[in-house]
Amino acid sequence: MFEDKVILVTGGTGSFGKFFITTALKELKPRKVIVFSRDEFKQFEMAKIFGTDRIRYFIGDVRDRERLYRALTGVDYVVHAAALKHVPLCEYNPFEAIQTNVFGAQNLISACIDAGVKKVVALSTDKACNPINLYGATKLCSDKLFIAANSYAGKSVTRFSAVRYGNVLGSRGSVIPLFQEMAKKGEIQITDDRMTRFWITLRQAVNFVLKAFQQMQGGELFIPKIPSMNVVDLAKAVAPEAKLKIIGIRPGEKLHESMISKDDARNLYEGDDFFVKLPDFPFWEVKLPEKVKPVSEGFEYASNLNTSWIGVDEMRLIMESEGLI
């Protein structure tokens, strides 16, 4: 599918982007990969590490539609990973988050359609499900823009889908590096000892996005089946000897994350290792993937209701395999 094709990754210097590009160069045989991001120093550092003429580096911001049009010339596939993600900073700078996460999404949609891009997969987050903070709200809006873009595209060849998953082990925004810094002082601060989260590795996230590219027809929201973990157990896995201090839940933070609410469960289907939600508004036909079945009425996929869990020892093995400890 990707052999001799051109792939563009927005936010390509981030944790996901770098891992995706590493995987693409090793396994997918693309003709060219384009890194589109606004941080020239990260691009400079990335170029030193990768050292290949199959990567092109575009300095640009998804807020700049004209720059997107230039970057997307001749592109076949797009992974949209660019976003403002820091919850407190998005709360303090709400319109900045809106300009990047919402207006930037629409800019990319328009540019991809006009450039004749074949497929676009946008990365979402569990915080977009029943959002209580601005970051989650902007990503929910972004998800809806990408899903509806299939209607907006009309007779264009461009098709759009989204992928939603939880916290990513090894990513720059993961709580693990924060816990490791706290542990150096002998104490890890926990907001609430009941808190649970979904967890996925960078490798799993990249593989799931590639699977979405293979299966998508346009308009689907793909959600992987991934395990949950209690945050206290995570802290114990990171630093078994550190003391734990409960400090209280923070503004904009949920006790448990949800990737599919009961209301989201309409038009939701279950496969062996994933869920797929079809568009709620039937503006166009989307055929179901093979071997999926509708979920039961009232279904909910939340981190505290999960049937798959990670324990302390298993998490330590995962972190060791990912080079995190």
C-alpha atoms as a PDB file:
ATOM      1  CA  MET A   1       0.000   0.000   0.000  1.00  0.00           C
ATOM      2  CA  PHE A   2       2.758   2.461   0.939  1.00  0.00           C
ATOM      3  CA  GLU A   3       5.482   1.196  -1.366  1.00  0.00           C
ATOM      4  CA  ASP A   4       6.872   3.989  -3.562  1.00  0.00           C
ATOM      5  CA  LYS A   5       4.278   6.401  -2.110  1.00  0.00           C
ATOM      6  CA  VAL A   6       4.721   9.755  -0.367  1.00  0.00           C
ATOM      7  CA  ILE A   7       3.653  10.037   3.291  1.00  0.00           C
ATOM      8  CA  LEU A   8       3.338  13.293   5.226  1.00  0.00           C
ATOM      9  CA  VAL A   9       3.221  13.403   9.034  1.00  0.00           C
ATOM     10  CA  THR A  10       2.035  16.592  10.736  1.00  0.00           C
ATOM     11  CA  GLY A  11       3.732  16.977  14.084  1.00  0.00           C
ATOM     12  CA  GLY A  12       6.352  14.628  12.693  1.00  0.00           C
ATOM     13  CA  THR A  13       9.045  15.547  15.241  1.00  0.00           C
ATOM     14  CA  GLY A  14       6.895  14.361  18.180  1.00  0.00           C
ATOM     15  CA  SER A  15       7.165  10.976  19.875  1.00  0.00           C
ATOM     16  CA  PHE A  16       4.566   9.305  17.662  1.00  0.00           C
ATOM     17  CA  GLY A  17       5.837  10.978  14.504  1.00  0.00           C
ATOM     18  CA  LYS A  18       9.422   9.845  14.983  1.00  0.00           C
ATOM     19  CA  PHE A  19       8.396   6.270  15.765  1.00  0.00           C
ATOM     20  CA  PHE A  20       5.990   6.194  12.819  1.00  0.00           C
ATOM     21  CA  ILE A  21       8.670   7.486  10.456  1.00  0.00           C
ATOM     22  CA  THR A  22      11.209   4.981  11.790  1.00  0.00           C
ATOM     23  CA  THR A  23       8.715   2.188  11.131  1.00  0.00           C
ATOM     24  CA  ALA A  24       7.813   3.556   7.696  1.00  0.00           C
ATOM     25  CA  LEU A  25      11.420   3.716   6.524  1.00  0.00           C
ATOM     26  CA  LYS A  26      12.177   0.195   7.788  1.00  0.00           C
ATOM     27  CA  GLU A  27       9.019  -1.619   6.730  1.00  0.00           C
ATOM     28  CA  LEU A  28       6.808   0.313   4.301  1.00  0.00           C
ATOM     29  CA  LYS A  29       9.258   1.217   1.492  1.00  0.00           C
ATOM     30  CA  PRO A  30       7.856   4.724   0.806  1.00  0.00           C
ATOM     31  CA  ARG A  31       9.437   6.855  -1.865  1.00  0.00           C
ATOM     32  CA  LYS A  32       9.505   9.827   0.507  1.00  0.00           C
ATOM     33  CA  VAL A  33       8.370  10.827   4.001  1.00  0.00           C
ATOM     34  CA  ILE A  34       7.646  14.471   4.767  1.00  0.00           C
ATOM     35  CA  VAL A  35       7.992  15.832   8.294  1.00  0.00           C
ATOM     36  CA  PHE A  36       5.704  18.829   8.762  1.00  0.00           C
ATOM     37  CA  SER A  37       6.234  20.690  12.039  1.00  0.00           C
ATOM     38  CA  ARG A  38       6.945  24.160  13.389  1.00  0.00           C
ATOM     39  CA  ASP A  39      10.063  23.476  15.498  1.00  0.00           C
ATOM     40  CA  GLU A  40      13.184  23.908  13.382  1.00  0.00           C
ATOM     41  CA  PHE A  41      15.547  22.730  16.143  1.00  0.00           C
ATOM     42  CA  LYS A  42      13.698  19.415  16.527  1.00  0.00           C
ATOM     43  CA  GLN A  43      13.833  18.974  12.757  1.00  0.00           C
ATOM     44  CA  PHE A  44      17.579  19.687  12.825  1.00  0.00           C
ATOM     45  CA  GLU A  45      18.122  17.118  15.587  1.00  0.00           C
ATOM     46  CA  MET A  46      15.918  14.587  13.799  1.00  0.00           C
ATOM     47  CA  ALA A  47      17.831  15.025  10.546  1.00  0.00           C
ATOM     48  CA  LYS A  48      21.098  14.235  12.356  1.00  0.00           C
ATOM     49  CA  ILE A  49      19.622  11.011  13.752  1.00  0.00           C
ATOM     50  CA  PHE A  50      17.894   9.716  10.627  1.00  0.00           C
ATOM     51  CA  GLY A  51      20.408  10.826   8.004  1.00  0.00           C
ATOM     52  CA  THR A  52      18.468   9.693   4.925  1.00  0.00           C
ATOM     53  CA  ASP A  53      17.550  11.419   1.687  1.00  0.00           C
ATOM     54  CA  ARG A  54      14.081   9.840   1.799  1.00  0.00           C
ATOM     55  CA  ILE A  55      12.941  12.354   4.440  1.00  0.00           C
ATOM     56  CA  ARG A  56      12.003  15.952   3.660  1.00  0.00           C
ATOM     57  CA  TYR A  57      11.593  18.542   6.398  1.00  0.00           C
ATOM     58  CA  PHE A  58       8.921  21.210   6.054  1.00  0.00           C
ATOM     59  CA  ILE A  59       8.840  23.957   8.664  1.00  0.00           C
ATOM     60  CA  GLY A  60       5.209  24.963   8.936  1.00  0.00           C
ATOM     61  CA  ASP A  61       2.158  25.241  11.150  1.00  0.00           C
ATOM     62  CA  VAL A  62      -1.214  23.631  10.512  1.00  0.00           C
ATOM     63  CA  ARG A  63      -2.665  27.082  11.173  1.00  0.00           C
ATOM     64  CA  ASP A  64      -1.068  28.194   7.883  1.00  0.00           C
ATOM     65  CA  ARG A  65      -3.247  26.827   5.099  1.00  0.00           C
ATOM     66  CA  GLU A  66      -1.014  28.100   2.291  1.00  0.00           C
ATOM     67  CA  ARG A  67       1.996  26.305   3.723  1.00  0.00           C
ATOM     68  CA  LEU A  68      -0.038  23.094   3.952  1.00  0.00           C
ATOM     69  CA  TYR A  69      -0.985  23.404   0.286  1.00  0.00           C
ATOM     70  CA  ARG A  70       2.692  23.647  -0.641  1.00  0.00           C
ATOM     71  CA  ALA A  71       3.739  20.732   1.587  1.00  0.00           C
ATOM     72  CA  LEU A  72       0.969  18.402   0.338  1.00  0.00           C
ATOM     73  CA  THR A  73       1.864  18.582  -3.339  1.00  0.00           C
ATOM     74  CA  GLY A  74       2.267  15.005  -4.579  1.00  0.00           C
ATOM     75  CA  VAL A  75       1.440  13.437  -1.187  1.00  0.00           C
ATOM     76  CA  ASP A  76      -0.458  10.127  -1.121  1.00  0.00           C
ATOM     77  CA  TYR A  77      -1.103   9.562   2.610  1.00  0.00           C
ATOM     78  CA  VAL A  78      -1.245  11.829   5.664  1.00  0.00           C
ATOM     79  CA  VAL A  79      -0.982  11.092   9.369  1.00  0.00           C
ATOM     80  CA  HIS A  80      -2.240  14.029  11.426  1.00  0.00           C
ATOM     81  CA  ALA A  81      -0.410  14.021  14.763  1.00  0.00           C
ATOM     82  CA  ALA A  82       0.039  17.772  15.289  1.00  0.00           C
ATOM     83  CA  ALA A  83      -1.867  19.188  18.270  1.00  0.00           C
ATOM     84  CA  LEU A  84      -1.591  21.260  21.412  1.00  0.00           C
ATOM     85  CA  LYS A  85      -1.998  18.629  24.132  1.00  0.00           C
ATOM     86  CA  HIS A  86      -0.986  20.041  27.511  1.00  0.00           C
ATOM     87  CA  VAL A  87      -4.229  20.191  29.497  1.00  0.00           C
ATOM     88  CA  PRO A  88      -3.463  23.126  31.877  1.00  0.00           C
ATOM     89  CA  LEU A  89      -1.797  25.191  29.140  1.00  0.00           C
ATOM     90  CA  CYS A  90      -4.772  24.641  26.836  1.00  0.00           C
ATOM     91  CA  GLU A  91      -7.054  25.830  29.653  1.00  0.00           C
ATOM     92  CA  TYR A  92      -4.974  28.978  30.139  1.00  0.00           C
ATOM     93  CA  ASN A  93      -4.575  29.601  26.384  1.00  0.00           C
ATOM     94  CA  PRO A  94      -7.895  28.306  25.037  1.00  0.00           C
ATOM     95  CA  PHE A  95      -7.972  30.092  21.708  1.00  0.00           C
ATOM     96  CA  GLU A  96      -4.439  28.950  20.891  1.00  0.00           C
ATOM     97  CA  ALA A  97      -5.598  25.341  21.337  1.00  0.00           C
ATOM     98  CA  ILE A  98      -8.654  26.049  19.181  1.00  0.00           C
ATOM     99  CA  GLN A  99      -6.550  27.576  16.413  1.00  0.00           C
ATOM    100  CA  THR A 100      -4.249  24.547  16.241  1.00  0.00           C
ATOM    101  CA  ASN A 101      -6.557  21.657  17.102  1.00  0.00           C
ATOM    102  CA  VAL A 102      -9.735  22.872  15.365  1.00  0.00           C
ATOM    103  CA  PHE A 103      -8.848  25.465  12.730  1.00  0.00           C
ATOM    104  CA  GLY A 104      -5.651  23.547  11.935  1.00  0.00           C
ATOM    105  CA  ALA A 105      -7.695  20.379  11.383  1.00  0.00           C
ATOM    106  CA  GLN A 106      -9.981  22.147   8.924  1.00  0.00           C
ATOM    107  CA  ASN A 107      -7.006  23.683   7.126  1.00  0.00           C
ATOM    108  CA  LEU A 108      -5.503  20.237   6.680  1.00  0.00           C
ATOM    109  CA  ILE A 109      -8.810  18.786   5.480  1.00  0.00           C
ATOM    110  CA  SER A 110      -9.211  21.444   2.796  1.00  0.00           C
ATOM    111  CA  ALA A 111      -5.605  21.184   1.670  1.00  0.00           C
ATOM    112  CA  CYS A 112      -5.719  17.364   1.477  1.00  0.00           C
ATOM    113  CA  ILE A 113      -8.873  17.422  -0.639  1.00  0.00           C
ATOM    114  CA  ASP A 114      -7.488  19.985  -3.056  1.00  0.00           C
ATOM    115  CA  ALA A 115      -4.128  18.182  -3.271  1.00  0.00           C
ATOM    116  CA  GLY A 116      -5.792  14.841  -4.053  1.00  0.00           C
ATOM    117  CA  VAL A 117      -4.377  13.002  -1.045  1.00  0.00           C
ATOM    118  CA  LYS A 118      -5.714   9.423  -0.990  1.00  0.00           C
ATOM    119  CA  LYS A 119      -6.132   8.740   2.740  1.00  0.00           C
ATOM    120  CA  VAL A 120      -5.818  10.719   5.964  1.00  0.00           C
ATOM    121  CA  VAL A 121      -5.755   9.269   9.483  1.00  0.00           C
ATOM    122  CA  ALA A 122      -6.092  11.749  12.345  1.00  0.00           C
ATOM    123  CA  LEU A 123      -4.917  10.875  15.848  1.00  0.00           C
ATOM    124  CA  SER A 124      -7.415  11.444  18.632  1.00  0.00           C
ATOM    125  CA  THR A 125      -7.413  10.848  22.391  1.00  0.00           C
ATOM    126  CA  ASP A 126      -9.572   9.291  25.078  1.00  0.00           C
ATOM    127  CA  LYS A 127      -9.995  12.822  26.434  1.00  0.00           C
ATOM    128  CA  ALA A 128     -12.239  13.540  23.418  1.00  0.00           C
ATOM    129  CA  CYS A 129     -14.895  11.209  24.844  1.00  0.00           C
ATOM    130  CA  ASN A 130     -17.262  13.217  27.074  1.00  0.00           C
ATOM    131  CA  PRO A 131     -14.618  15.939  27.451  1.00  0.00           C
ATOM    132  CA  ILE A 132     -14.293  17.985  30.635  1.00  0.00           C
ATOM    133  CA  ASN A 133     -11.262  20.032  29.565  1.00  0.00           C
ATOM    134  CA  LEU A 134     -10.595  22.256  26.565  1.00  0.00           C
ATOM    135  CA  TYR A 135      -8.018  19.934  25.063  1.00  0.00           C
ATOM    136  CA  GLY A 136     -10.546  17.100  24.971  1.00  0.00           C
ATOM    137  CA  ALA A 137     -13.230  19.416  23.593  1.00  0.00           C
ATOM    138  CA  THR A 138     -10.991  20.593  20.746  1.00  0.00           C
ATOM    139  CA  LYS A 139     -10.066  17.021  19.862  1.00  0.00           C
ATOM    140  CA  LEU A 140     -13.731  15.981  19.839  1.00  0.00           C
ATOM    141  CA  CYS A 141     -14.400  18.859  17.451  1.00  0.00           C
ATOM    142  CA  SER A 142     -11.413  17.788  15.351  1.00  0.00           C
ATOM    143  CA  ASP A 143     -12.701  14.202  15.219  1.00  0.00           C
ATOM    144  CA  LYS A 144     -16.068  15.377  13.952  1.00  0.00           C
ATOM    145  CA  LEU A 145     -14.428  17.581  11.335  1.00  0.00           C
ATOM    146  CA  PHE A 146     -12.396  14.672   9.974  1.00  0.00           C
ATOM    147  CA  ILE A 147     -15.371  12.306   9.923  1.00  0.00           C
ATOM    148  CA  ALA A 148     -17.629  14.847   8.199  1.00  0.00           C
ATOM    149  CA  ALA A 149     -14.838  15.699   5.745  1.00  0.00           C
ATOM    150  CA  ASN A 150     -15.753  12.584   3.778  1.00  0.00           C
ATOM    151  CA  SER A 151     -18.996  14.309   2.818  1.00  0.00           C
ATOM    152  CA  TYR A 152     -17.234  17.636   2.348  1.00  0.00           C
ATOM    153  CA  ALA A 153     -14.808  15.961  -0.081  1.00  0.00           C
ATOM    154  CA  GLY A 154     -17.617  15.183  -2.533  1.00  0.00           C
ATOM    155  CA  LYS A 155     -16.224  13.416  -5.596  1.00  0.00           C
ATOM    156  CA  SER A 156     -12.630  13.880  -4.469  1.00  0.00           C
ATOM    157  CA  VAL A 157     -10.537  10.728  -3.955  1.00  0.00           C
ATOM    158  CA  THR A 158      -9.615  11.811  -0.418  1.00  0.00           C
ATOM    159  CA  ARG A 159     -10.929   9.752   2.493  1.00  0.00           C
ATOM    160  CA  PHE A 160     -10.622  10.576   6.181  1.00  0.00           C
ATOM    161  CA  SER A 161     -10.738   8.475   9.361  1.00  0.00           C
ATOM    162  CA  ALA A 162      -9.644   8.903  12.983  1.00  0.00           C
ATOM    163  CA  VAL A 163      -7.933   6.733  15.574  1.00  0.00           C
ATOM    164  CA  ARG A 164      -8.600   7.158  19.302  1.00  0.00           C
ATOM    165  CA  TYR A 165      -6.426   5.643  22.034  1.00  0.00           C
ATOM    166  CA  GLY A 166      -5.233   6.300  25.594  1.00  0.00           C
ATOM    167  CA  ASN A 167      -1.964   7.251  27.276  1.00  0.00           C
ATOM    168  CA  VAL A 168       1.155   6.322  25.312  1.00  0.00           C
ATOM    169  CA  LEU A 169       4.101   4.707  27.076  1.00  0.00           C
ATOM    170  CA  GLY A 170       7.316   6.344  25.977  1.00  0.00           C
ATOM    171  CA  SER A 171       5.734   9.497  24.601  1.00  0.00           C
ATOM    172  CA  ARG A 172       7.018  12.910  25.583  1.00  0.00           C
ATOM    173  CA  GLY A 173       3.770  13.697  27.404  1.00  0.00           C
ATOM    174  CA  SER A 174       3.638  10.429  29.348  1.00  0.00           C
ATOM    175  CA  VAL A 175       3.416  10.581  33.136  1.00  0.00           C
ATOM    176  CA  ILE A 176       6.270   8.075  33.423  1.00  0.00           C
ATOM    177  CA  PRO A 177       9.103  10.631  32.987  1.00  0.00           C
ATOM    178  CA  LEU A 178       7.324  12.859  35.538  1.00  0.00           C
ATOM    179  CA  PHE A 179       7.137  10.008  38.039  1.00  0.00           C
ATOM    180  CA  GLN A 180      10.806   9.221  37.417  1.00  0.00           C
ATOM    181  CA  GLU A 181      11.804  12.813  38.208  1.00  0.00           C
ATOM    182  CA  MET A 182       9.675  12.800  41.358  1.00  0.00           C
ATOM    183  CA  ALA A 183      11.185   9.493  42.440  1.00  0.00           C
ATOM    184  CA  LYS A 184      14.652  11.045  42.503  1.00  0.00           C
ATOM    185  CA  LYS A 185      13.425  13.047  45.498  1.00  0.00           C
ATOM    186  CA  GLY A 186      11.990   9.927  47.123  1.00  0.00           C
ATOM    187  CA  GLU A 187       8.298  10.788  46.705  1.00  0.00           C
ATOM    188  CA  ILE A 188       5.743  10.432  43.902  1.00  0.00           C
ATOM    189  CA  GLN A 189       2.642  12.604  43.997  1.00  0.00           C
ATOM    190  CA  ILE A 190      -0.606  10.851  43.049  1.00  0.00           C
ATOM    191  CA  THR A 191      -3.764  12.871  42.517  1.00  0.00           C
ATOM    192  CA  ASP A 192      -6.138  10.062  43.537  1.00  0.00           C
ATOM    193  CA  ASP A 193      -5.359   6.460  44.449  1.00  0.00           C
ATOM    194  CA  ARG A 194      -8.514   5.241  42.658  1.00  0.00           C
ATOM    195  CA  MET A 195      -7.458   6.704  39.309  1.00  0.00           C
ATOM    196  CA  THR A 196      -7.182   4.420  36.269  1.00  0.00           C
ATOM    197  CA  ARG A 197      -5.929   4.976  32.740  1.00  0.00           C
ATOM    198  CA  PHE A 198      -5.708   3.163  29.405  1.00  0.00           C
ATOM    199  CA  TRP A 199      -2.148   2.386  28.247  1.00  0.00           C
ATOM    200  CA  ILE A 200      -0.616   1.672  24.849  1.00  0.00           C
ATOM    201  CA  THR A 201       2.996   1.548  23.659  1.00  0.00           C
ATOM    202  CA  LEU A 202       4.302   3.676  20.804  1.00  0.00           C
ATOM    203  CA  ARG A 203       4.843   0.524  18.771  1.00  0.00           C
ATOM    204  CA  GLN A 204       1.232  -0.574  19.300  1.00  0.00           C
ATOM    205  CA  ALA A 205      -0.077   2.911  18.460  1.00  0.00           C
ATOM    206  CA  VAL A 206       1.865   3.048  15.198  1.00  0.00           C
ATOM    207  CA  ASN A 207       0.791  -0.464  14.200  1.00  0.00           C
ATOM    208  CA  PHE A 208      -2.838   0.382  14.922  1.00  0.00           C
ATOM    209  CA  VAL A 209      -2.660   3.494  12.740  1.00  0.00           C
ATOM    210  CA  LEU A 210      -1.208   1.406   9.916  1.00  0.00           C
ATOM    211  CA  LYS A 211      -4.052  -1.089  10.368  1.00  0.00           C
ATOM    212  CA  ALA A 212      -6.542   1.784  10.159  1.00  0.00           C
ATOM    213  CA  PHE A 213      -5.018   2.874   6.850  1.00  0.00           C
ATOM    214  CA  GLN A 214      -5.480  -0.645   5.515  1.00  0.00           C
ATOM    215  CA  GLN A 215      -9.109  -1.020   6.650  1.00  0.00           C
ATOM    216  CA  MET A 216     -10.557   2.477   6.310  1.00  0.00           C
ATOM    217  CA  GLN A 217     -13.048   3.492   3.659  1.00  0.00           C
ATOM    218  CA  GLY A 218     -13.703   6.926   5.130  1.00  0.00           C
ATOM    219  CA  GLY A 219     -15.675   8.071   8.158  1.00  0.00           C
ATOM    220  CA  GLU A 220     -14.661   5.438  10.694  1.00  0.00           C
ATOM    221  CA  LEU A 221     -13.411   6.063  14.205  1.00  0.00           C
ATOM    222  CA  PHE A 222     -11.070   3.193  15.139  1.00  0.00           C
ATOM    223  CA  ILE A 223     -10.423   2.362  18.803  1.00  0.00           C
ATOM    224  CA  PRO A 224      -7.981  -0.361  19.914  1.00  0.00           C
ATOM    225  CA  LYS A 225      -8.637  -2.789  22.730  1.00  0.00           C
ATOM    226  CA  ILE A 226      -5.893  -1.905  25.190  1.00  0.00           C
ATOM    227  CA  PRO A 227      -5.350  -2.600  28.904  1.00  0.00           C
ATOM    228  CA  SER A 228      -5.979  -0.367  31.894  1.00  0.00           C
ATOM    229  CA  MET A 229      -3.809   0.251  34.926  1.00  0.00           C
ATOM    230  CA  ASN A 230      -4.295   1.833  38.316  1.00  0.00           C
ATOM    231  CA  VAL A 231      -2.060   4.903  38.624  1.00  0.00           C
ATOM    232  CA  VAL A 232      -0.793   3.758  42.030  1.00  0.00           C
ATOM    233  CA  ASP A 233       0.404   0.509  40.430  1.00  0.00           C
ATOM    234  CA  LEU A 234       2.086   2.521  37.688  1.00  0.00           C
ATOM    235  CA  ALA A 235       3.958   4.574  40.289  1.00  0.00           C
ATOM    236  CA  LYS A 236       5.063   1.355  42.009  1.00  0.00           C
ATOM    237  CA  ALA A 237       6.266  -0.016  38.681  1.00  0.00           C
ATOM    238  CA  VAL A 238       8.264   3.148  37.959  1.00  0.00           C
ATOM    239  CA  ALA A 239       9.836   3.467  41.416  1.00  0.00           C
ATOM    240  CA  PRO A 240       9.054   0.623  43.836  1.00  0.00           C
ATOM    241  CA  GLU A 241      10.939   2.266  46.733  1.00  0.00           C
ATOM    242  CA  ALA A 242       9.415   5.752  46.435  1.00  0.00           C
ATOM    243  CA  LYS A 243       6.810   6.999  48.881  1.00  0.00           C
ATOM    244  CA  LEU A 244       3.378   7.948  47.518  1.00  0.00           C
ATOM    245  CA  LYS A 245       1.591  11.174  48.412  1.00  0.00           C
ATOM    246  CA  ILE A 246      -2.065  11.780  47.520  1.00  0.00           C
ATOM    247  CA  ILE A 247      -2.544  15.439  46.533  1.00  0.00           C
ATOM    248  CA  GLY A 248      -6.112  15.501  45.153  1.00  0.00           C
ATOM    249  CA  ILE A 249      -7.503  15.440  41.649  1.00  0.00           C
ATOM    250  CA  ARG A 250      -6.488  18.374  39.427  1.00  0.00           C
ATOM    251  CA  PRO A 251      -8.751  20.699  37.425  1.00  0.00           C
ATOM    252  CA  GLY A 252      -9.673  19.200  34.059  1.00  0.00           C
ATOM    253  CA  GLU A 253      -8.717  15.690  35.174  1.00  0.00           C
ATOM    254  CA  LYS A 254     -11.016  12.653  35.256  1.00  0.00           C
ATOM    255  CA  LEU A 255     -10.891   9.875  37.795  1.00  0.00           C
ATOM    256  CA  HIS A 256     -11.279   7.361  34.951  1.00  0.00           C
ATOM    257  CA  GLU A 257     -10.916   7.871  31.207  1.00  0.00           C
ATOM    258  CA  SER A 258     -13.464   6.692  28.669  1.00  0.00           C
ATOM    259  CA  MET A 259     -12.907   5.911  25.004  1.00  0.00           C
ATOM    260  CA  ILE A 260     -16.508   4.984  24.252  1.00  0.00           C
ATOM    261  CA  SER A 261     -19.419   6.382  26.237  1.00  0.00           C
ATOM    262  CA  LYS A 262     -22.886   4.815  26.302  1.00  0.00           C
ATOM    263  CA  ASP A 263     -24.054   7.478  23.859  1.00  0.00           C
ATOM    264  CA  ASP A 264     -21.057   6.777  21.589  1.00  0.00           C
ATOM    265  CA  ALA A 265     -22.044   3.110  21.425  1.00  0.00           C
ATOM    266  CA  ARG A 266     -24.572   3.750  18.678  1.00  0.00           C
ATOM    267  CA  ASN A 267     -23.199   2.476  15.361  1.00  0.00           C
ATOM    268  CA  LEU A 268     -20.315   0.855  17.245  1.00  0.00           C
ATOM    269  CA  TYR A 269     -18.958  -2.540  16.203  1.00  0.00           C
ATOM    270  CA  GLU A 270     -16.486  -4.871  17.864  1.00  0.00           C
ATOM    271  CA  GLY A 271     -13.680  -6.874  16.286  1.00  0.00           C
ATOM    272  CA  ASP A 272     -11.118  -9.186  17.842  1.00  0.00           C
ATOM    273  CA  ASP A 273      -8.756  -6.437  18.968  1.00  0.00           C
ATOM    274  CA  PHE A 274     -10.519  -3.186  18.122  1.00  0.00           C
ATOM    275  CA  PHE A 275     -13.785  -1.268  17.974  1.00  0.00           C
ATOM    276  CA  VAL A 276     -14.975   0.758  15.008  1.00  0.00           C
ATOM    277  CA  LYS A 277     -17.609   3.464  15.156  1.00  0.00           C
ATOM    278  CA  LEU A 278     -19.392   4.317  11.931  1.00  0.00           C
ATOM    279  CA  PRO A 279     -20.707   7.823  11.234  1.00  0.00           C
ATOM    280  CA  ASP A 280     -23.874   8.771  13.114  1.00  0.00           C
ATOM    281  CA  PHE A 281     -25.110  10.776  10.144  1.00  0.00           C
ATOM    282  CA  PRO A 282     -25.438   8.558   7.030  1.00  0.00           C
ATOM    283  CA  PHE A 283     -24.217  11.103   4.489  1.00  0.00           C
ATOM    284  CA  TRP A 284     -22.358   8.343   2.642  1.00  0.00           C
ATOM    285  CA  GLU A 285     -22.117   4.569   2.787  1.00  0.00           C
ATOM    286  CA  VAL A 286     -19.388   2.921   4.843  1.00  0.00           C
ATOM    287  CA  LYS A 287     -19.085  -0.844   4.631  1.00  0.00           C
ATOM    288  CA  LEU A 288     -18.253  -2.724   7.801  1.00  0.00           C
ATOM    289  CA  PRO A 289     -14.867  -4.430   8.167  1.00  0.00           C
ATOM    290  CA  GLU A 290     -14.966  -8.210   8.127  1.00  0.00           C
ATOM    291  CA  LYS A 291     -15.775 -10.217  11.276  1.00  0.00           C
ATOM    292  CA  VAL A 292     -17.194  -7.408  13.406  1.00  0.00           C
ATOM    293  CA  LYS A 293     -20.411  -7.436  15.391  1.00  0.00           C
ATOM    294  CA  PRO A 294     -22.523  -4.685  16.972  1.00  0.00           C
ATOM    295  CA  VAL A 295     -21.955  -4.047  20.674  1.00  0.00           C
ATOM    296  CA  SER A 296     -24.760  -4.564  23.168  1.00  0.00           C
ATOM    297  CA  GLU A 297     -27.074  -1.734  24.171  1.00  0.00           C
ATOM    298  CA  GLY A 298     -25.633   0.409  26.952  1.00  0.00           C
ATOM    299  CA  PHE A 299     -22.051  -0.648  26.171  1.00  0.00           C
ATOM    300  CA  GLU A 300     -19.300   1.545  27.601  1.00  0.00           C
ATOM    301  CA  TYR A 301     -15.521   1.300  27.265  1.00  0.00           C
ATOM    302  CA  ALA A 302     -13.939   3.047  30.253  1.00  0.00           C
ATOM    303  CA  SER A 303     -10.608   2.482  31.984  1.00  0.00           C
ATOM    304  CA  ASN A 304     -12.271   1.342  35.231  1.00  0.00           C
ATOM    305  CA  LEU A 305     -14.654  -1.046  33.426  1.00  0.00           C
ATOM    306  CA  ASN A 306     -11.994  -2.713  31.304  1.00  0.00           C
ATOM    307  CA  THR A 307     -11.615  -6.493  31.219  1.00  0.00           C
ATOM    308  CA  SER A 308      -7.859  -6.244  30.527  1.00  0.00           C
ATOM    309  CA  TRP A 309      -5.460  -4.954  33.195  1.00  0.00           C
ATOM    310  CA  ILE A 310      -1.718  -4.508  33.631  1.00  0.00           C
ATOM    311  CA  GLY A 311      -0.055  -5.289  36.976  1.00  0.00           C
ATOM    312  CA  VAL A 312       3.128  -3.860  38.464  1.00  0.00           C
ATOM    313  CA  ASP A 313       5.449  -6.654  37.310  1.00  0.00           C
ATOM    314  CA  GLU A 314       4.039  -6.720  33.784  1.00  0.00           C
ATOM    315  CA  MET A 315       4.384  -2.955  33.463  1.00  0.00           C
ATOM    316  CA  ARG A 316       8.022  -3.123  34.530  1.00  0.00           C
ATOM    317  CA  LEU A 317       8.674  -5.719  31.841  1.00  0.00           C
ATOM    318  CA  ILE A 318       6.971  -3.499  29.249  1.00  0.00           C
ATOM    319  CA  MET A 319       8.947  -0.435  30.333  1.00  0.00           C
ATOM    320  CA  GLU A 320      12.192  -2.419  30.163  1.00  0.00           C
ATOM    321  CA  SER A 321      11.376  -3.646  26.674  1.00  0.00           C
ATOM    322  CA  GLU A 322      10.635  -0.061  25.594  1.00  0.00           C
ATOM    323  CA  GLY A 323      13.853   1.246  27.156  1.00  0.00           C
ATOM    324  CA  LEU A 324      12.053   3.388  29.725  1.00  0.00           C
ATOM    325  CA  ILE A 325      13.809   1.955  32.790  1.00  0.00           C
END
